[in-house]
Amino acid sequence: MSERAIRLKVNGREYQRTVEVRKTLADFLREDLELTGTHLGCEHGVCGACTIVMDGEAVRSCLLFAVQADGADLLTVEGLAEGEALHPIQEAFWEHHGLQCGFCTPGFLMTLYCFLRDRPRPSEAEIREALAGNLCRCTGYQNIVLAAKAAAEKLAATGR
């Protein structure tokens, strides 16, 4: 078994760990850092449940090794809220019933975090295209799209 020391920042906190070189980033987050909001669905990068933000870009953490995140700045769903205050995207999902079982929700939230940062006033078609890589088996997507539209409005209103 080969191991390597890594340093990274996750949700604003610095970490240094020694990890097996073939451990996925998703498993590292869940097992080593106990950040279980990042979910593993397909483990092939298809479902989007494991989406996090790495150095400002939405990535599938099941497709990366933890050692590839050495030196990176990561944001997981646990880092969205500010204390007890939900992030506007989280608020919009809650207010517009953008989730049912919640398994896929962290991936949707993190995907939208990057998308709405880069595209603050998207059309419904742009939202649907941006979310096409995230799979949900429960909602039928309509409320997710409504939540995304509401989140865009909230973010624009707050200047975030």
N, C-alpha and C. Protein backbone atom coordinates (compact mmCIF):
# COMPACT_ATOMS: atom_id res chain seq x y z
N MET A 1 0.85 -1.17 0.00
CA MET A 1 0.00 0.00 0.00
C MET A 1 0.90 1.24 0.00
N SER A 2 0.64 2.14 -0.92
CA SER A 2 1.43 3.36 -1.04
C SER A 2 0.63 4.54 -0.47
N GLU A 3 1.29 5.35 0.34
CA GLU A 3 0.64 6.51 0.95
C GLU A 3 1.41 7.78 0.63
N ARG A 4 0.70 8.89 0.75
CA ARG A 4 1.31 10.19 0.48
C ARG A 4 0.69 11.24 1.40
N ALA A 5 1.50 12.17 1.85
CA ALA A 5 1.02 13.27 2.68
C ALA A 5 0.41 14.34 1.77
N ILE A 6 -0.73 14.86 2.19
CA ILE A 6 -1.38 15.94 1.44
C ILE A 6 -1.77 17.06 2.40
N ARG A 7 -1.84 18.26 1.85
CA ARG A 7 -2.34 19.44 2.56
C ARG A 7 -3.42 20.04 1.69
N LEU A 8 -4.51 20.43 2.31
CA LEU A 8 -5.58 21.07 1.57
C LEU A 8 -6.44 21.88 2.52
N LYS A 9 -7.25 22.72 1.93
CA LYS A 9 -8.19 23.52 2.71
C LYS A 9 -9.58 23.05 2.33
N VAL A 10 -10.40 22.76 3.34
CA VAL A 10 -11.77 22.33 3.10
C VAL A 10 -12.69 23.21 3.94
N ASN A 11 -13.59 23.89 3.27
CA ASN A 11 -14.55 24.78 3.94
C ASN A 11 -13.84 25.79 4.85
N GLY A 12 -12.70 26.28 4.37
CA GLY A 12 -11.95 27.30 5.09
C GLY A 12 -11.02 26.78 6.16
N ARG A 13 -10.97 25.48 6.36
CA ARG A 13 -10.12 24.89 7.40
C ARG A 13 -8.98 24.11 6.75
N GLU A 14 -7.78 24.30 7.27
CA GLU A 14 -6.59 23.62 6.75
C GLU A 14 -6.50 22.20 7.32
N TYR A 15 -6.13 21.27 6.46
CA TYR A 15 -5.93 19.88 6.87
C TYR A 15 -4.61 19.36 6.30
N GLN A 16 -3.98 18.50 7.07
CA GLN A 16 -2.82 17.76 6.59
C GLN A 16 -3.04 16.31 6.98
N ARG A 17 -3.01 15.43 6.01
CA ARG A 17 -3.26 14.01 6.26
C ARG A 17 -2.35 13.16 5.39
N THR A 18 -2.16 11.94 5.80
CA THR A 18 -1.49 10.95 4.96
C THR A 18 -2.58 10.02 4.45
N VAL A 19 -2.63 9.85 3.14
CA VAL A 19 -3.69 9.06 2.53
C VAL A 19 -3.12 8.02 1.58
N GLU A 20 -3.86 6.94 1.44
CA GLU A 20 -3.53 5.94 0.44
C GLU A 20 -3.70 6.60 -0.93
N VAL A 21 -2.76 6.39 -1.83
CA VAL A 21 -2.77 7.11 -3.11
C VAL A 21 -3.97 6.77 -3.98
N ARG A 22 -4.60 5.65 -3.75
CA ARG A 22 -5.76 5.30 -4.58
C ARG A 22 -7.12 5.59 -3.92
N LYS A 23 -7.09 6.29 -2.79
CA LYS A 23 -8.34 6.66 -2.12
C LYS A 23 -8.98 7.82 -2.87
N THR A 24 -10.27 7.69 -3.15
CA THR A 24 -10.95 8.77 -3.87
C THR A 24 -11.12 9.99 -2.96
N LEU A 25 -11.27 11.12 -3.59
CA LEU A 25 -11.50 12.35 -2.84
C LEU A 25 -12.82 12.27 -2.08
N ALA A 26 -13.83 11.68 -2.69
CA ALA A 26 -15.12 11.52 -2.01
C ALA A 26 -14.96 10.68 -0.74
N ASP A 27 -14.25 9.57 -0.84
CA ASP A 27 -14.03 8.72 0.34
C ASP A 27 -13.19 9.44 1.39
N PHE A 28 -12.20 10.20 0.96
CA PHE A 28 -11.39 10.98 1.89
C PHE A 28 -12.25 11.98 2.67
N LEU A 29 -13.09 12.70 1.95
CA LEU A 29 -13.96 13.67 2.62
C LEU A 29 -14.88 12.99 3.61
N ARG A 30 -15.48 11.88 3.20
CA ARG A 30 -16.46 11.19 4.05
C ARG A 30 -15.80 10.46 5.21
N GLU A 31 -14.73 9.73 4.93
CA GLU A 31 -14.13 8.86 5.94
C GLU A 31 -13.08 9.57 6.80
N ASP A 32 -12.20 10.30 6.18
CA ASP A 32 -11.10 10.91 6.93
C ASP A 32 -11.51 12.22 7.59
N LEU A 33 -12.32 13.02 6.90
CA LEU A 33 -12.72 14.31 7.45
C LEU A 33 -14.13 14.30 8.02
N GLU A 34 -14.83 13.19 7.88
CA GLU A 34 -16.20 13.01 8.39
C GLU A 34 -17.16 14.07 7.86
N LEU A 35 -16.97 14.47 6.61
CA LEU A 35 -17.87 15.39 5.92
C LEU A 35 -18.77 14.54 5.03
N THR A 36 -19.82 14.02 5.63
CA THR A 36 -20.66 13.03 4.95
C THR A 36 -21.74 13.62 4.06
N GLY A 37 -21.76 14.93 3.91
CA GLY A 37 -22.72 15.55 3.01
C GLY A 37 -22.44 15.25 1.55
N THR A 38 -21.19 14.97 1.24
CA THR A 38 -20.83 14.57 -0.12
C THR A 38 -21.25 13.12 -0.28
N HIS A 39 -22.21 12.88 -1.17
CA HIS A 39 -22.77 11.54 -1.32
C HIS A 39 -22.16 10.80 -2.49
N LEU A 40 -22.11 9.49 -2.36
CA LEU A 40 -21.63 8.62 -3.43
C LEU A 40 -22.83 7.87 -3.99
N GLY A 41 -23.09 8.10 -5.26
CA GLY A 41 -24.20 7.42 -5.92
C GLY A 41 -23.68 6.35 -6.86
N CYS A 42 -23.27 6.80 -8.03
CA CYS A 42 -22.86 5.85 -9.08
C CYS A 42 -21.38 5.48 -9.01
N GLU A 43 -20.55 6.33 -8.43
CA GLU A 43 -19.10 6.19 -8.38
C GLU A 43 -18.47 6.09 -9.76
N HIS A 44 -19.15 6.66 -10.75
CA HIS A 44 -18.64 6.71 -12.14
C HIS A 44 -18.69 8.13 -12.69
N GLY A 45 -19.06 9.11 -11.87
CA GLY A 45 -19.14 10.49 -12.32
C GLY A 45 -20.38 10.84 -13.11
N VAL A 46 -21.37 9.98 -13.09
CA VAL A 46 -22.57 10.17 -13.91
C VAL A 46 -23.69 10.89 -13.14
N CYS A 47 -23.87 10.57 -11.87
CA CYS A 47 -25.06 11.05 -11.15
C CYS A 47 -24.93 12.44 -10.55
N GLY A 48 -23.72 12.88 -10.26
CA GLY A 48 -23.52 14.21 -9.70
C GLY A 48 -23.68 14.34 -8.21
N ALA A 49 -24.02 13.28 -7.51
CA ALA A 49 -24.25 13.36 -6.05
C ALA A 49 -22.99 13.75 -5.29
N CYS A 50 -21.83 13.47 -5.85
CA CYS A 50 -20.56 13.73 -5.16
C CYS A 50 -19.95 15.08 -5.53
N THR A 51 -20.69 15.93 -6.21
CA THR A 51 -20.14 17.20 -6.68
C THR A 51 -19.74 18.10 -5.51
N ILE A 52 -18.52 18.62 -5.61
CA ILE A 52 -17.98 19.59 -4.67
C ILE A 52 -17.36 20.72 -5.50
N VAL A 53 -16.85 21.73 -4.84
CA VAL A 53 -16.13 22.80 -5.52
C VAL A 53 -14.66 22.68 -5.16
N MET A 54 -13.82 22.59 -6.20
CA MET A 54 -12.38 22.49 -6.02
C MET A 54 -11.72 23.64 -6.77
N ASP A 55 -11.05 24.49 -6.02
CA ASP A 55 -10.41 25.67 -6.61
C ASP A 55 -11.37 26.45 -7.50
N GLY A 56 -12.61 26.57 -7.02
CA GLY A 56 -13.60 27.38 -7.70
C GLY A 56 -14.40 26.70 -8.79
N GLU A 57 -14.14 25.44 -9.06
CA GLU A 57 -14.84 24.72 -10.12
C GLU A 57 -15.59 23.52 -9.55
N ALA A 58 -16.79 23.28 -10.06
CA ALA A 58 -17.55 22.10 -9.66
C ALA A 58 -16.89 20.86 -10.24
N VAL A 59 -16.61 19.87 -9.38
CA VAL A 59 -15.97 18.63 -9.80
C VAL A 59 -16.68 17.44 -9.18
N ARG A 60 -16.50 16.29 -9.79
CA ARG A 60 -17.03 15.03 -9.25
C ARG A 60 -15.95 14.41 -8.37
N SER A 61 -16.18 14.41 -7.09
CA SER A 61 -15.15 13.94 -6.16
C SER A 61 -14.94 12.43 -6.20
N CYS A 62 -15.88 11.70 -6.80
CA CYS A 62 -15.69 10.25 -6.93
C CYS A 62 -14.70 9.91 -8.04
N LEU A 63 -14.43 10.86 -8.92
CA LEU A 63 -13.53 10.63 -10.05
C LEU A 63 -12.11 11.11 -9.78
N LEU A 64 -11.89 11.72 -8.64
CA LEU A 64 -10.57 12.23 -8.29
C LEU A 64 -10.01 11.44 -7.12
N PHE A 65 -8.70 11.35 -7.10
CA PHE A 65 -8.03 10.78 -5.95
C PHE A 65 -7.76 11.90 -4.96
N ALA A 66 -7.74 11.58 -3.69
CA ALA A 66 -7.46 12.59 -2.66
C ALA A 66 -6.12 13.26 -2.91
N VAL A 67 -5.13 12.50 -3.38
CA VAL A 67 -3.81 13.09 -3.63
C VAL A 67 -3.85 14.15 -4.73
N GLN A 68 -4.85 14.09 -5.61
CA GLN A 68 -4.99 15.11 -6.64
C GLN A 68 -5.46 16.44 -6.07
N ALA A 69 -5.98 16.42 -4.87
CA ALA A 69 -6.45 17.64 -4.21
C ALA A 69 -5.37 18.27 -3.34
N ASP A 70 -4.17 17.73 -3.37
CA ASP A 70 -3.07 18.29 -2.59
C ASP A 70 -2.89 19.76 -2.98
N GLY A 71 -2.96 20.65 -2.00
CA GLY A 71 -2.81 22.07 -2.23
C GLY A 71 -4.08 22.79 -2.66
N ALA A 72 -5.16 22.07 -2.81
CA ALA A 72 -6.41 22.64 -3.30
C ALA A 72 -7.22 23.29 -2.20
N ASP A 73 -8.16 24.12 -2.64
CA ASP A 73 -9.14 24.75 -1.76
C ASP A 73 -10.49 24.15 -2.13
N LEU A 74 -11.10 23.42 -1.20
CA LEU A 74 -12.34 22.71 -1.47
C LEU A 74 -13.50 23.34 -0.69
N LEU A 75 -14.66 23.25 -1.31
CA LEU A 75 -15.91 23.63 -0.64
C LEU A 75 -16.87 22.48 -0.80
N THR A 76 -17.41 22.02 0.32
CA THR A 76 -18.41 20.97 0.31
C THR A 76 -19.74 21.56 0.77
N VAL A 77 -20.77 20.78 0.70
CA VAL A 77 -22.10 21.26 1.09
C VAL A 77 -22.10 21.75 2.54
N GLU A 78 -21.26 21.16 3.38
CA GLU A 78 -21.19 21.59 4.78
C GLU A 78 -20.68 23.02 4.91
N GLY A 79 -19.97 23.49 3.91
CA GLY A 79 -19.39 24.83 3.96
C GLY A 79 -20.27 25.92 3.36
N LEU A 80 -21.44 25.57 2.85
CA LEU A 80 -22.32 26.58 2.25
C LEU A 80 -22.94 27.52 3.27
N ALA A 81 -23.48 26.98 4.32
CA ALA A 81 -24.15 27.80 5.34
C ALA A 81 -23.11 28.63 6.09
N GLU A 82 -23.55 29.76 6.59
CA GLU A 82 -22.70 30.59 7.43
C GLU A 82 -23.26 30.52 8.84
N GLY A 83 -22.67 29.66 9.64
CA GLY A 83 -23.21 29.40 10.98
C GLY A 83 -24.57 28.76 10.86
N GLU A 84 -25.56 29.36 11.49
CA GLU A 84 -26.92 28.85 11.43
C GLU A 84 -27.70 29.35 10.22
N ALA A 85 -27.14 30.31 9.51
CA ALA A 85 -27.82 30.92 8.36
C ALA A 85 -27.56 30.10 7.10
N LEU A 86 -28.63 29.59 6.52
CA LEU A 86 -28.49 28.83 5.29
C LEU A 86 -28.02 29.73 4.15
N HIS A 87 -27.31 29.14 3.21
CA HIS A 87 -26.93 29.84 1.99
C HIS A 87 -28.22 30.08 1.19
N PRO A 88 -28.31 31.16 0.42
CA PRO A 88 -29.53 31.41 -0.36
C PRO A 88 -29.95 30.24 -1.26
N ILE A 89 -29.01 29.47 -1.76
CA ILE A 89 -29.39 28.30 -2.56
C ILE A 89 -30.08 27.26 -1.69
N GLN A 90 -29.56 27.04 -0.49
CA GLN A 90 -30.19 26.10 0.45
C GLN A 90 -31.57 26.59 0.84
N GLU A 91 -31.69 27.88 1.13
CA GLU A 91 -33.00 28.45 1.47
C GLU A 91 -34.00 28.22 0.35
N ALA A 92 -33.58 28.45 -0.88
CA ALA A 92 -34.48 28.30 -2.03
C ALA A 92 -34.93 26.85 -2.19
N PHE A 93 -34.04 25.91 -1.97
CA PHE A 93 -34.42 24.49 -2.06
C PHE A 93 -35.45 24.16 -0.98
N TRP A 94 -35.26 24.69 0.20
CA TRP A 94 -36.19 24.44 1.30
C TRP A 94 -37.54 25.08 1.00
N GLU A 95 -37.52 26.34 0.58
CA GLU A 95 -38.76 27.07 0.33
C GLU A 95 -39.56 26.54 -0.85
N HIS A 96 -38.88 26.01 -1.85
CA HIS A 96 -39.55 25.56 -3.08
C HIS A 96 -39.60 24.03 -3.19
N HIS A 97 -39.35 23.35 -2.11
CA HIS A 97 -39.43 21.89 -2.06
C HIS A 97 -38.60 21.26 -3.17
N GLY A 98 -37.35 21.71 -3.27
CA GLY A 98 -36.45 21.22 -4.30
C GLY A 98 -35.79 19.90 -3.96
N LEU A 99 -36.29 19.22 -2.96
CA LEU A 99 -35.73 17.92 -2.60
C LEU A 99 -36.83 17.03 -2.04
N GLN A 100 -36.59 15.76 -2.13
CA GLN A 100 -37.48 14.80 -1.48
C GLN A 100 -36.65 13.94 -0.55
N CYS A 101 -36.00 12.93 -1.08
CA CYS A 101 -35.19 12.08 -0.19
C CYS A 101 -33.92 12.80 0.23
N GLY A 102 -33.43 13.74 -0.58
CA GLY A 102 -32.25 14.52 -0.23
C GLY A 102 -30.92 13.92 -0.64
N PHE A 103 -30.91 12.72 -1.19
CA PHE A 103 -29.63 12.09 -1.53
C PHE A 103 -28.86 12.89 -2.58
N CYS A 104 -29.55 13.36 -3.60
CA CYS A 104 -28.89 14.08 -4.69
C CYS A 104 -28.69 15.56 -4.38
N THR A 105 -29.34 16.06 -3.36
CA THR A 105 -29.38 17.49 -3.09
C THR A 105 -28.01 18.14 -2.94
N PRO A 106 -27.06 17.57 -2.18
CA PRO A 106 -25.76 18.23 -2.07
C PRO A 106 -25.10 18.46 -3.43
N GLY A 107 -25.21 17.51 -4.32
CA GLY A 107 -24.62 17.68 -5.65
C GLY A 107 -25.29 18.78 -6.44
N PHE A 108 -26.62 18.88 -6.34
CA PHE A 108 -27.33 19.96 -7.00
C PHE A 108 -26.92 21.31 -6.43
N LEU A 109 -26.83 21.39 -5.11
CA LEU A 109 -26.47 22.65 -4.46
C LEU A 109 -25.09 23.13 -4.89
N MET A 110 -24.13 22.22 -4.94
CA MET A 110 -22.77 22.60 -5.29
C MET A 110 -22.65 22.94 -6.78
N THR A 111 -23.39 22.23 -7.61
CA THR A 111 -23.42 22.56 -9.03
C THR A 111 -23.99 23.96 -9.23
N LEU A 112 -25.10 24.24 -8.56
CA LEU A 112 -25.73 25.55 -8.67
C LEU A 112 -24.87 26.66 -8.08
N TYR A 113 -24.13 26.36 -7.05
CA TYR A 113 -23.24 27.34 -6.44
C TYR A 113 -22.30 27.93 -7.50
N CYS A 114 -21.66 27.06 -8.27
CA CYS A 114 -20.74 27.52 -9.31
C CYS A 114 -21.48 28.13 -10.49
N PHE A 115 -22.56 27.47 -10.90
CA PHE A 115 -23.31 27.96 -12.05
C PHE A 115 -23.87 29.36 -11.81
N LEU A 116 -24.50 29.57 -10.67
CA LEU A 116 -25.11 30.87 -10.39
C LEU A 116 -24.06 31.95 -10.11
N ARG A 117 -22.92 31.56 -9.66
CA ARG A 117 -21.81 32.52 -9.51
C ARG A 117 -21.38 33.04 -10.89
N ASP A 118 -21.33 32.12 -11.85
CA ASP A 118 -20.88 32.48 -13.20
C ASP A 118 -21.99 33.00 -14.10
N ARG A 119 -23.21 32.66 -13.77
CA ARG A 119 -24.37 33.04 -14.59
C ARG A 119 -25.47 33.53 -13.65
N PRO A 120 -25.38 34.77 -13.16
CA PRO A 120 -26.28 35.25 -12.11
C PRO A 120 -27.75 35.41 -12.51
N ARG A 121 -28.04 35.56 -13.78
CA ARG A 121 -29.44 35.73 -14.21
C ARG A 121 -29.76 34.74 -15.32
N PRO A 122 -29.78 33.45 -15.01
CA PRO A 122 -29.97 32.45 -16.05
C PRO A 122 -31.43 32.29 -16.47
N SER A 123 -31.62 31.85 -17.68
CA SER A 123 -32.96 31.48 -18.14
C SER A 123 -33.28 30.09 -17.62
N GLU A 124 -34.54 29.70 -17.72
CA GLU A 124 -34.91 28.35 -17.30
C GLU A 124 -34.17 27.31 -18.13
N ALA A 125 -34.03 27.56 -19.42
CA ALA A 125 -33.32 26.62 -20.29
C ALA A 125 -31.86 26.48 -19.86
N GLU A 126 -31.23 27.57 -19.47
CA GLU A 126 -29.84 27.51 -19.02
C GLU A 126 -29.72 26.75 -17.70
N ILE A 127 -30.69 26.95 -16.82
CA ILE A 127 -30.69 26.20 -15.56
C ILE A 127 -30.82 24.71 -15.84
N ARG A 128 -31.76 24.35 -16.69
CA ARG A 128 -31.95 22.93 -17.00
C ARG A 128 -30.70 22.32 -17.63
N GLU A 129 -30.04 23.07 -18.49
CA GLU A 129 -28.81 22.57 -19.11
C GLU A 129 -27.71 22.40 -18.06
N ALA A 130 -27.58 23.39 -17.17
CA ALA A 130 -26.55 23.33 -16.12
C ALA A 130 -26.76 22.15 -15.19
N LEU A 131 -28.02 21.78 -14.96
CA LEU A 131 -28.33 20.69 -14.03
C LEU A 131 -28.45 19.33 -14.71
N ALA A 132 -28.25 19.30 -16.00
CA ALA A 132 -28.43 18.05 -16.76
C ALA A 132 -27.48 16.93 -16.31
N GLY A 133 -26.38 17.29 -15.70
CA GLY A 133 -25.43 16.28 -15.23
C GLY A 133 -25.70 15.77 -13.83
N ASN A 134 -26.78 16.23 -13.21
CA ASN A 134 -27.15 15.77 -11.87
C ASN A 134 -28.46 14.99 -11.97
N LEU A 135 -28.45 13.81 -11.42
CA LEU A 135 -29.62 12.94 -11.50
C LEU A 135 -30.39 12.91 -10.19
N CYS A 136 -31.72 12.94 -10.32
CA CYS A 136 -32.62 12.81 -9.18
C CYS A 136 -33.66 11.77 -9.54
N ARG A 137 -33.93 10.86 -8.64
CA ARG A 137 -34.93 9.83 -8.89
C ARG A 137 -36.27 10.14 -8.26
N CYS A 138 -36.37 11.25 -7.51
CA CYS A 138 -37.59 11.51 -6.75
C CYS A 138 -38.43 12.67 -7.26
N THR A 139 -37.79 13.79 -7.63
CA THR A 139 -38.53 15.04 -7.73
C THR A 139 -39.15 15.33 -9.08
N GLY A 140 -38.65 14.79 -10.15
CA GLY A 140 -39.14 15.19 -11.47
C GLY A 140 -38.55 16.52 -11.92
N TYR A 141 -37.65 17.10 -11.15
CA TYR A 141 -36.85 18.28 -11.47
C TYR A 141 -37.59 19.62 -11.46
N GLN A 142 -38.89 19.65 -11.56
CA GLN A 142 -39.58 20.93 -11.65
C GLN A 142 -39.29 21.83 -10.45
N ASN A 143 -39.39 21.29 -9.25
CA ASN A 143 -39.14 22.11 -8.07
C ASN A 143 -37.66 22.45 -7.91
N ILE A 144 -36.80 21.61 -8.43
CA ILE A 144 -35.36 21.93 -8.41
C ILE A 144 -35.11 23.14 -9.29
N VAL A 145 -35.74 23.17 -10.45
CA VAL A 145 -35.59 24.30 -11.37
C VAL A 145 -36.19 25.56 -10.73
N LEU A 146 -37.36 25.44 -10.11
CA LEU A 146 -37.96 26.59 -9.41
C LEU A 146 -37.05 27.10 -8.30
N ALA A 147 -36.46 26.18 -7.57
CA ALA A 147 -35.54 26.56 -6.50
C ALA A 147 -34.31 27.26 -7.06
N ALA A 148 -33.81 26.78 -8.19
CA ALA A 148 -32.63 27.40 -8.81
C ALA A 148 -32.96 28.83 -9.26
N LYS A 149 -34.14 29.02 -9.84
CA LYS A 149 -34.56 30.36 -10.26
C LYS A 149 -34.68 31.28 -9.05
N ALA A 150 -35.29 30.78 -7.98
CA ALA A 150 -35.44 31.57 -6.76
C ALA A 150 -34.08 31.89 -6.14
N ALA A 151 -33.17 30.93 -6.18
CA ALA A 151 -31.83 31.16 -5.64
C ALA A 151 -31.11 32.25 -6.42
N ALA A 152 -31.26 32.23 -7.74
CA ALA A 152 -30.63 33.26 -8.57
C ALA A 152 -31.16 34.64 -8.17
N GLU A 153 -32.46 34.73 -7.94
CA GLU A 153 -33.05 36.01 -7.53
C GLU A 153 -32.55 36.43 -6.15
N LYS A 154 -32.47 35.47 -5.21
CA LYS A 154 -31.97 35.78 -3.87
C LYS A 154 -30.53 36.26 -3.92
N LEU A 155 -29.71 35.58 -4.70
CA LEU A 155 -28.30 35.94 -4.80
C LEU A 155 -28.14 37.32 -5.42
N ALA A 156 -28.93 37.60 -6.46
CA ALA A 156 -28.86 38.91 -7.11
C ALA A 156 -29.29 40.02 -6.14
N ALA A 157 -30.31 39.72 -5.34
CA ALA A 157 -30.83 40.72 -4.40
C ALA A 157 -29.83 41.02 -3.28
N THR A 158 -29.04 40.01 -2.91
CA THR A 158 -28.08 40.19 -1.81
C THR A 158 -26.69 40.55 -2.32
N GLY A 159 -26.52 40.54 -3.63
CA GLY A 159 -25.21 40.87 -4.20
C GLY A 159 -24.16 39.80 -4.00
N ARG A 160 -24.58 38.59 -3.79
CA ARG A 160 -23.63 37.48 -3.58
C ARG A 160 -23.29 36.81 -4.88
